[in-house]
Amino acid sequence: MIVDDEESIIEKVKSFLQDDELDIISANSSRQALEIIQNENKLDFILIDTPMPGSDKSALFLTKPGSKLTSKDFNSFLQKPFTKEQLLSFINENIKKDS
C-alpha cells in the first residue's frame, strides 16, 4: 500500500511497482489508509509519506502491517524525488531487514 497526499507520487510509485507485477493499493490520507488496513489482511508492506524528522522535506518510510513505527524506523527513508531503481532497492532492503 502507498499512503501519500500527492496523487502524482502515488501514480509514480504505482507505475514503478506495477512493472514488477505487484498489486498496489493506495490511500491519500491516514484516515483512508486505516480503513483499508482494517479491511485488507494481505498487505506485505506500506509506504508512508511523511516529513523527515528535523526537516521540511518529505520522504517515504516503509513498514509492515501490524508492526509499530519506532524512532529506529526513521533512520531508513527514501527522500523525494527518487528513481525507480532507488525505490526498488529501498523496498528490497527494508523487506529483508524486517524478515
C-alpha atoms as a PDB file:
ATOM      1  CA  MET A   1       0.000   0.000   0.000  1.00  0.00           C
ATOM      2  CA  ILE A   2       1.111   3.558  -0.742  1.00  0.00           C
ATOM      3  CA  VAL A   3      -0.045   6.408   1.515  1.00  0.00           C
ATOM      4  CA  ASP A   4       0.612   9.877   0.117  1.00  0.00           C
ATOM      5  CA  ASP A   5      -1.422  13.055  -0.233  1.00  0.00           C
ATOM      6  CA  GLU A   6       0.182  13.805  -3.620  1.00  0.00           C
ATOM      7  CA  GLU A   7      -1.593  11.911  -6.404  1.00  0.00           C
ATOM      8  CA  SER A   8       1.434  12.343  -8.674  1.00  0.00           C
ATOM      9  CA  ILE A   9       3.638  10.454  -6.182  1.00  0.00           C
ATOM     10  CA  ILE A  10       1.072   7.664  -5.856  1.00  0.00           C
ATOM     11  CA  GLU A  11       0.929   7.313  -9.644  1.00  0.00           C
ATOM     12  CA  LYS A  12       4.733   7.378  -9.921  1.00  0.00           C
ATOM     13  CA  VAL A  13       5.181   4.661  -7.284  1.00  0.00           C
ATOM     14  CA  LYS A  14       2.372   2.586  -8.814  1.00  0.00           C
ATOM     15  CA  SER A  15       3.977   2.748 -12.241  1.00  0.00           C
ATOM     16  CA  PHE A  16       7.347   1.707 -10.793  1.00  0.00           C
ATOM     17  CA  LEU A  17       5.909  -1.214  -8.817  1.00  0.00           C
ATOM     18  CA  GLN A  18       3.324  -2.431 -11.321  1.00  0.00           C
ATOM     19  CA  ASP A  19       6.183  -3.157 -13.704  1.00  0.00           C
ATOM     20  CA  ASP A  20       7.176  -5.816 -11.147  1.00  0.00           C
ATOM     21  CA  GLU A  21       3.655  -7.274 -11.239  1.00  0.00           C
ATOM     22  CA  LEU A  22       2.763  -6.194  -7.702  1.00  0.00           C
ATOM     23  CA  ASP A  23      -0.803  -5.409  -6.690  1.00  0.00           C
ATOM     24  CA  ILE A  24      -0.909  -1.842  -5.436  1.00  0.00           C
ATOM     25  CA  ILE A  25      -3.447  -0.301  -3.064  1.00  0.00           C
ATOM     26  CA  SER A  26      -3.263   3.431  -2.412  1.00  0.00           C
ATOM     27  CA  ALA A  27      -4.633   5.923   0.074  1.00  0.00           C
ATOM     28  CA  ASN A  28      -4.388   9.700   0.029  1.00  0.00           C
ATOM     29  CA  SER A  29      -4.880  10.201   3.773  1.00  0.00           C
ATOM     30  CA  SER A  30      -4.095   8.436   7.022  1.00  0.00           C
ATOM     31  CA  ARG A  31      -7.829   8.001   7.674  1.00  0.00           C
ATOM     32  CA  GLN A  32      -8.327   6.235   4.350  1.00  0.00           C
ATOM     33  CA  ALA A  33      -5.211   4.117   4.967  1.00  0.00           C
ATOM     34  CA  LEU A  34      -6.520   2.976   8.360  1.00  0.00           C
ATOM     35  CA  GLU A  35      -9.836   1.957   6.804  1.00  0.00           C
ATOM     36  CA  ILE A  36      -8.015  -0.090   4.177  1.00  0.00           C
ATOM     37  CA  ILE A  37      -5.722  -1.710   6.763  1.00  0.00           C
ATOM     38  CA  GLN A  38      -8.719  -2.748   8.856  1.00  0.00           C
ATOM     39  CA  ASN A  39     -10.383  -4.408   5.857  1.00  0.00           C
ATOM     40  CA  GLU A  40      -7.359  -5.803   3.999  1.00  0.00           C
ATOM     41  CA  ASN A  41      -5.468  -8.722   5.514  1.00  0.00           C
ATOM     42  CA  LYS A  42      -2.891  -9.337   2.806  1.00  0.00           C
ATOM     43  CA  LEU A  43      -0.680  -6.251   2.838  1.00  0.00           C
ATOM     44  CA  ASP A  44       3.021  -7.083   2.536  1.00  0.00           C
ATOM     45  CA  PHE A  45       4.263  -3.570   3.226  1.00  0.00           C
ATOM     46  CA  ILE A  46       3.115   0.032   3.470  1.00  0.00           C
ATOM     47  CA  LEU A  47       4.978   3.031   2.044  1.00  0.00           C
ATOM     48  CA  ILE A  48       4.049   6.109   4.063  1.00  0.00           C
ATOM     49  CA  ASP A  49       4.741   9.711   3.087  1.00  0.00           C
ATOM     50  CA  THR A  50       5.801  11.848   5.993  1.00  0.00           C
ATOM     51  CA  PRO A  51       8.010  14.841   6.654  1.00  0.00           C
ATOM     52  CA  MET A  52      11.555  13.856   7.552  1.00  0.00           C
ATOM     53  CA  PRO A  53      12.437  14.439  11.212  1.00  0.00           C
ATOM     54  CA  GLY A  54      14.013  17.868  11.674  1.00  0.00           C
ATOM     55  CA  SER A  55      13.282  18.918   8.092  1.00  0.00           C
ATOM     56  CA  ASP A  56      10.549  20.341   5.923  1.00  0.00           C
ATOM     57  CA  LYS A  57      11.343  17.790   3.190  1.00  0.00           C
ATOM     58  CA  SER A  58       9.165  14.793   2.516  1.00  0.00           C
ATOM     59  CA  ALA A  59      10.193  11.142   2.306  1.00  0.00           C
ATOM     60  CA  LEU A  60       8.747   7.662   2.126  1.00  0.00           C
ATOM     61  CA  PHE A  61       9.082   5.280   5.062  1.00  0.00           C
ATOM     62  CA  LEU A  62       8.350   1.567   4.854  1.00  0.00           C
ATOM     63  CA  THR A  63       6.600  -0.505   7.496  1.00  0.00           C
ATOM     64  CA  LYS A  64       4.966  -3.909   7.663  1.00  0.00           C
ATOM     65  CA  PRO A  65       1.319  -4.192   8.743  1.00  0.00           C
ATOM     66  CA  GLY A  66       0.956  -4.900  12.451  1.00  0.00           C
ATOM     67  CA  SER A  67       4.378  -3.512  13.320  1.00  0.00           C
ATOM     68  CA  LYS A  68       4.774  -0.307  15.265  1.00  0.00           C
ATOM     69  CA  LEU A  69       6.832   2.555  13.937  1.00  0.00           C
ATOM     70  CA  THR A  70       9.656   3.451  16.280  1.00  0.00           C
ATOM     71  CA  SER A  71      12.394   6.058  16.124  1.00  0.00           C
ATOM     72  CA  LYS A  72      14.724   3.484  14.510  1.00  0.00           C
ATOM     73  CA  ASP A  73      12.345   3.254  11.542  1.00  0.00           C
ATOM     74  CA  PHE A  74      13.014   6.884  10.744  1.00  0.00           C
ATOM     75  CA  ASN A  75      16.669   6.077  10.089  1.00  0.00           C
ATOM     76  CA  SER A  76      15.519   4.313   6.933  1.00  0.00           C
ATOM     77  CA  PHE A  77      13.763   6.595   4.499  1.00  0.00           C
ATOM     78  CA  LEU A  78      13.673   7.409   0.823  1.00  0.00           C
ATOM     79  CA  GLN A  79      13.787  11.127   0.211  1.00  0.00           C
ATOM     80  CA  LYS A  80      11.706  12.533  -2.629  1.00  0.00           C
ATOM     81  CA  PRO A  81      12.322  12.753  -5.547  1.00  0.00           C
ATOM     82  CA  PHE A  82      13.587   9.219  -6.238  1.00  0.00           C
ATOM     83  CA  THR A  83      14.182   6.937  -9.203  1.00  0.00           C
ATOM     84  CA  LYS A  84      12.625   3.561  -9.880  1.00  0.00           C
ATOM     85  CA  GLU A  85      15.922   1.866  -9.012  1.00  0.00           C
ATOM     86  CA  GLN A  86      16.161   3.744  -5.702  1.00  0.00           C
ATOM     87  CA  LEU A  87      12.576   2.815  -4.790  1.00  0.00           C
ATOM     88  CA  LEU A  88      13.006  -0.879  -5.599  1.00  0.00           C
ATOM     89  CA  SER A  89      16.306  -1.034  -3.718  1.00  0.00           C
ATOM     90  CA  PHE A  90      14.734   0.733  -0.719  1.00  0.00           C
ATOM     91  CA  ILE A  91      11.821  -1.720  -0.625  1.00  0.00           C
ATOM     92  CA  ASN A  92      14.052  -4.780  -1.019  1.00  0.00           C
ATOM     93  CA  GLU A  93      16.464  -3.639   1.711  1.00  0.00           C
ATOM     94  CA  ASN A  94      13.660  -2.933   4.165  1.00  0.00           C
ATOM     95  CA  ILE A  95      11.721  -6.124   3.444  1.00  0.00           C
ATOM     96  CA  LYS A  96      14.884  -8.175   4.106  1.00  0.00           C
ATOM     97  CA  LYS A  97      15.619  -6.208   7.282  1.00  0.00           C
ATOM     98  CA  ASP A  98      12.133  -6.929   8.662  1.00  0.00           C
ATOM     99  CA  SER A  99      12.176 -10.649   7.760  1.00  0.00           C
END
